[in-house]
N, C-alpha and C. Protein backbone atom coordinates (compact mmCIF):
# COMPACT_ATOMS: atom_id res chain seq x y z
N GLY A 1 32.97 68.29 5.08
CA GLY A 1 33.32 68.19 3.63
C GLY A 1 33.48 66.71 3.23
N GLU A 2 33.54 66.53 1.89
CA GLU A 2 33.38 65.28 1.14
C GLU A 2 34.75 64.62 1.63
N GLN A 3 34.68 63.25 1.46
CA GLN A 3 35.88 62.40 1.57
C GLN A 3 36.80 62.09 -0.04
N LEU A 4 37.55 62.84 -0.44
CA LEU A 4 38.07 62.13 -1.93
C LEU A 4 38.58 61.22 -1.99
N ALA A 5 39.55 60.64 -0.69
CA ALA A 5 39.80 59.49 -0.78
C ALA A 5 40.52 58.78 0.43
N ARG A 6 40.32 57.61 0.76
CA ARG A 6 41.11 56.87 1.95
C ARG A 6 42.03 55.66 1.62
N GLN A 7 43.08 56.04 2.09
CA GLN A 7 44.37 55.06 2.12
C GLN A 7 44.84 54.48 3.10
N SER A 8 45.02 53.15 3.07
CA SER A 8 45.56 52.26 4.13
C SER A 8 47.01 52.71 4.02
N ILE A 9 47.79 52.94 4.79
CA ILE A 9 49.20 53.03 4.92
C ILE A 9 49.81 52.18 5.47
N GLY A 10 49.71 51.90 6.52
CA GLY A 10 50.55 50.75 7.46
C GLY A 10 49.57 50.22 8.86
N THR A 11 50.63 49.88 9.76
CA THR A 11 49.79 49.84 11.06
C THR A 11 50.32 50.61 12.25
N GLN A 12 51.56 51.54 11.84
CA GLN A 12 51.95 52.47 12.61
C GLN A 12 51.24 53.80 12.48
N PRO A 13 50.90 54.55 14.04
CA PRO A 13 50.80 55.87 13.63
C PRO A 13 51.38 56.64 12.90
N ILE A 14 50.72 57.49 12.14
CA ILE A 14 50.98 58.41 11.52
C ILE A 14 51.27 59.94 12.56
N SER A 15 52.80 60.16 12.55
CA SER A 15 53.17 61.29 13.69
C SER A 15 53.15 62.40 12.93
N ALA A 16 53.33 62.72 11.71
CA ALA A 16 53.59 64.07 10.84
C ALA A 16 53.51 63.66 9.32
N LEU A 17 52.78 64.71 8.59
CA LEU A 17 52.79 64.78 7.32
C LEU A 17 52.63 65.92 6.53
N ALA A 18 53.21 66.28 5.22
CA ALA A 18 53.08 67.22 4.72
C ALA A 18 53.15 67.25 2.97
N TYR A 19 52.76 68.00 2.32
CA TYR A 19 52.38 68.37 0.73
C TYR A 19 53.80 68.87 0.04
N THR A 20 54.10 68.02 -0.92
CA THR A 20 55.43 68.74 -1.40
C THR A 20 54.80 69.57 -2.74
N PRO A 21 55.00 70.65 -3.28
CA PRO A 21 54.89 71.54 -4.06
C PRO A 21 54.24 70.90 -5.42
N ALA A 22 54.54 69.35 -5.59
CA ALA A 22 54.06 68.85 -7.08
C ALA A 22 52.70 67.96 -6.61
N GLY A 23 52.23 67.99 -5.24
CA GLY A 23 51.24 67.64 -4.88
C GLY A 23 51.18 66.20 -4.26
N SER A 24 52.62 65.46 -4.04
CA SER A 24 52.65 64.20 -3.04
C SER A 24 52.41 64.57 -1.71
N LEU A 25 52.04 63.77 -1.03
CA LEU A 25 52.11 63.40 0.37
C LEU A 25 53.51 62.91 0.60
N VAL A 26 54.02 63.24 1.74
CA VAL A 26 55.08 62.77 2.60
C VAL A 26 54.93 62.63 3.92
N LEU A 27 54.89 61.91 4.41
CA LEU A 27 54.91 61.23 6.17
C LEU A 27 55.37 60.28 6.53
N VAL A 28 55.48 60.57 7.84
CA VAL A 28 56.47 59.71 8.82
C VAL A 28 55.31 58.60 9.76
N GLU A 29 55.54 57.43 9.72
CA GLU A 29 54.83 56.22 9.95
C GLU A 29 56.03 55.54 11.03
N GLY A 30 55.87 55.77 12.26
CA GLY A 30 56.76 54.68 13.18
C GLY A 30 58.10 55.01 12.92
N THR A 31 59.06 54.15 12.08
CA THR A 31 60.11 54.48 12.10
C THR A 31 60.33 54.57 10.28
N ARG A 32 59.55 54.93 9.57
CA ARG A 32 59.23 54.98 8.07
C ARG A 32 59.14 56.19 7.69
N LEU A 33 59.78 56.75 6.74
CA LEU A 33 59.69 58.16 5.74
C LEU A 33 58.89 57.54 4.42
N LEU A 34 57.58 58.10 4.08
CA LEU A 34 57.16 57.48 3.02
C LEU A 34 56.65 58.76 2.43
N GLU A 35 56.21 58.26 0.86
CA GLU A 35 55.65 59.28 0.08
C GLU A 35 54.71 58.70 -0.94
N THR A 36 53.35 59.40 -1.04
CA THR A 36 52.14 58.55 -1.84
C THR A 36 51.62 59.84 -2.64
N ASN A 37 51.25 59.52 -3.78
CA ASN A 37 50.41 60.52 -4.91
C ASN A 37 48.92 60.53 -4.24
N GLY A 38 48.45 59.52 -3.54
CA GLY A 38 46.74 59.28 -2.98
C GLY A 38 46.29 58.32 -3.94
N VAL A 39 47.08 57.98 -4.90
CA VAL A 39 46.43 56.91 -5.70
C VAL A 39 46.97 55.60 -5.41
N ASP A 40 48.38 55.30 -5.71
CA ASP A 40 48.80 54.08 -5.11
C ASP A 40 49.30 53.79 -3.90
N ASP A 41 50.15 52.34 -3.70
CA ASP A 41 50.53 52.52 -2.37
C ASP A 41 51.53 53.09 -1.93
N ALA A 42 51.93 53.58 -0.82
CA ALA A 42 52.97 54.45 -0.50
C ALA A 42 54.32 54.11 -0.74
N LEU A 43 55.28 54.62 -1.13
CA LEU A 43 56.63 54.21 -1.38
C LEU A 43 57.56 54.54 -0.15
N VAL A 44 57.82 53.59 0.42
CA VAL A 44 58.90 53.74 1.58
C VAL A 44 60.38 54.42 1.10
N LEU A 45 60.28 55.75 1.07
CA LEU A 45 62.03 56.41 1.07
C LEU A 45 62.83 56.10 1.98
N SER A 46 62.96 55.76 3.05
CA SER A 46 63.97 55.41 4.10
C SER A 46 63.21 55.24 5.61
N THR A 47 63.95 54.29 6.05
CA THR A 47 63.64 53.32 7.52
C THR A 47 64.83 53.87 8.40
N PHE A 48 64.25 54.25 9.49
CA PHE A 48 65.41 54.65 10.54
C PHE A 48 65.41 53.30 11.86
N SER A 49 66.04 53.64 12.81
CA SER A 49 66.35 52.64 13.70
C SER A 49 65.21 53.32 15.04
N ALA A 50 64.96 54.60 15.18
CA ALA A 50 63.99 54.71 16.11
C ALA A 50 62.86 55.64 15.42
N ALA A 51 61.98 55.64 16.34
CA ALA A 51 60.83 56.33 15.98
C ALA A 51 61.13 57.70 15.42
N LEU A 52 60.12 58.29 14.30
CA LEU A 52 59.99 59.78 13.95
C LEU A 52 59.05 60.24 14.52
N ASN A 53 59.13 61.60 14.62
CA ASN A 53 57.87 62.54 15.41
C ASN A 53 57.66 63.41 14.67
N ASP A 54 58.56 64.28 13.73
CA ASP A 54 58.34 65.17 13.40
C ASP A 54 58.38 65.21 11.80
N LEU A 55 58.20 66.15 11.18
CA LEU A 55 58.84 66.62 9.48
C LEU A 55 59.02 67.81 9.04
N TRP A 56 59.69 68.03 8.29
CA TRP A 56 59.46 69.66 7.80
C TRP A 56 60.00 69.66 6.44
N LEU A 57 59.64 69.88 5.31
CA LEU A 57 59.78 69.58 4.37
C LEU A 57 60.44 71.24 3.56
N SER A 58 61.48 71.29 2.73
CA SER A 58 61.98 72.55 2.06
C SER A 58 61.12 73.08 1.28
N PRO A 59 60.96 74.30 0.86
CA PRO A 59 59.92 75.14 0.35
C PRO A 59 60.05 74.03 -1.20
N ASP A 60 61.03 73.73 -1.75
CA ASP A 60 60.73 73.22 -3.11
C ASP A 60 60.65 71.78 -3.20
N GLY A 61 60.40 71.31 -1.68
CA GLY A 61 60.14 69.79 -1.77
C GLY A 61 60.97 68.74 -1.79
N ALA A 62 62.14 69.24 -2.06
CA ALA A 62 63.32 67.97 -2.53
C ALA A 62 63.97 67.69 -1.05
N LEU A 63 64.03 68.24 0.01
CA LEU A 63 64.29 67.74 1.35
C LEU A 63 63.65 67.54 2.41
N ALA A 64 63.76 66.72 3.59
CA ALA A 64 62.71 66.40 4.69
C ALA A 64 63.64 66.78 5.96
N LEU A 65 63.44 67.27 6.73
CA LEU A 65 64.12 67.37 8.22
C LEU A 65 63.53 66.30 9.16
N LEU A 66 63.88 65.29 9.89
CA LEU A 66 63.22 64.63 10.72
C LEU A 66 63.44 64.59 11.98
N ALA A 67 62.51 64.72 12.71
CA ALA A 67 62.86 64.59 14.26
C ALA A 67 62.59 63.12 14.92
N SER A 68 63.61 62.89 15.96
CA SER A 68 63.78 61.35 15.82
C SER A 68 63.84 60.96 17.50
N ASN A 69 63.05 59.74 17.70
CA ASN A 69 63.24 59.36 19.24
C ASN A 69 64.51 59.15 19.99
N ASP A 70 65.68 59.02 18.83
CA ASP A 70 66.89 58.70 19.34
C ASP A 70 67.73 59.95 19.69
N GLY A 71 67.24 61.15 19.32
CA GLY A 71 67.72 62.59 19.96
C GLY A 71 68.49 63.25 18.59
N ASN A 72 68.19 62.39 17.28
CA ASN A 72 69.05 63.29 16.14
C ASN A 72 68.03 63.71 15.18
N ASP A 73 68.16 64.43 14.60
CA ASP A 73 67.22 65.07 13.23
C ASP A 73 68.18 64.52 12.02
N TYR A 74 67.29 64.00 10.82
CA TYR A 74 68.02 63.50 9.84
C TYR A 74 67.59 64.63 8.87
N LEU A 75 68.53 64.84 7.92
CA LEU A 75 68.41 65.55 6.90
C LEU A 75 67.82 64.96 5.51
N VAL A 76 66.96 64.57 4.62
CA VAL A 76 66.90 63.47 3.95
C VAL A 76 66.41 63.91 2.64
N ASN A 77 67.16 63.78 1.25
CA ASN A 77 67.12 63.78 -0.05
C ASN A 77 65.53 63.00 -0.31
N LEU A 78 64.68 63.87 -0.84
CA LEU A 78 63.31 63.05 -0.90
C LEU A 78 63.43 62.11 -2.17
N THR A 79 64.31 62.80 -3.08
CA THR A 79 64.39 61.99 -4.27
C THR A 79 65.09 60.67 -4.49
N SER A 80 66.17 60.47 -3.55
CA SER A 80 67.11 59.49 -3.46
C SER A 80 66.42 58.35 -2.01
N GLY A 81 66.12 59.15 -1.09
CA GLY A 81 65.93 58.72 0.08
C GLY A 81 67.00 58.63 1.14
N LYS A 82 68.14 58.73 0.65
CA LYS A 82 69.17 58.97 1.09
C LYS A 82 69.45 60.00 2.44
N THR A 83 69.77 59.62 3.57
CA THR A 83 70.38 60.70 4.68
C THR A 83 71.45 61.58 4.08
N ILE A 84 71.40 62.59 4.03
CA ILE A 84 72.48 63.57 3.65
C ILE A 84 73.31 63.90 4.69
N THR A 85 72.56 63.99 6.02
CA THR A 85 73.35 64.57 7.48
C THR A 85 72.68 63.85 8.71
N VAL A 86 73.25 63.80 9.32
CA VAL A 86 72.78 63.49 10.81
C VAL A 86 73.24 64.65 11.51
N LEU A 87 72.36 65.47 12.39
CA LEU A 87 72.28 66.56 13.45
C LEU A 87 72.39 65.78 15.03
N ARG A 88 73.46 65.56 15.42
CA ARG A 88 73.47 64.87 16.60
C ARG A 88 73.87 66.03 17.81
N GLY A 89 73.51 65.68 18.88
CA GLY A 89 74.11 66.25 20.27
C GLY A 89 72.73 66.56 21.11
N HIS A 90 71.61 66.05 20.85
CA HIS A 90 70.51 66.41 21.55
C HIS A 90 70.89 65.00 22.78
N THR A 91 70.37 65.65 23.79
CA THR A 91 70.23 64.62 25.02
C THR A 91 69.05 63.65 25.19
N ASP A 92 68.08 64.14 24.47
CA ASP A 92 66.72 63.42 24.79
C ASP A 92 66.28 63.65 23.11
N GLN A 93 65.06 62.87 23.16
CA GLN A 93 64.35 62.88 21.83
C GLN A 93 63.52 64.08 21.73
N ILE A 94 63.98 64.36 20.13
CA ILE A 94 63.33 65.22 19.41
C ILE A 94 61.78 65.20 19.12
N SER A 95 60.90 66.06 19.50
CA SER A 95 59.64 65.95 19.33
C SER A 95 59.04 66.71 17.72
N GLN A 96 59.69 68.00 17.90
CA GLN A 96 59.49 69.02 16.85
C GLN A 96 60.61 69.23 15.93
N THR A 97 60.45 69.80 14.93
CA THR A 97 61.40 70.26 13.52
C THR A 97 61.33 71.60 13.70
N ARG A 98 60.54 72.13 14.14
CA ARG A 98 60.42 73.91 13.78
C ARG A 98 60.50 74.38 15.51
């Protein structure tokens, strides 16, 4: 296929990405949760103390569930970038949200 766009996000590997219903790209890069519309630079929504491994978006694109190396899952509001709740209790890193 034809490359439609190329965007440099940062220096960390991208471990997960998903599209919102509105067409924005949400991704996790190292310890950061970012959103981009594919044209401008990425907007950092949240930064965490441990590396993020995976992400799942709610069907309406309003929430993200993040899997982390610190053994926690984070539920994040994508509009505000704020963590709604932290799901604790895992004894090891979490590699997937599904």
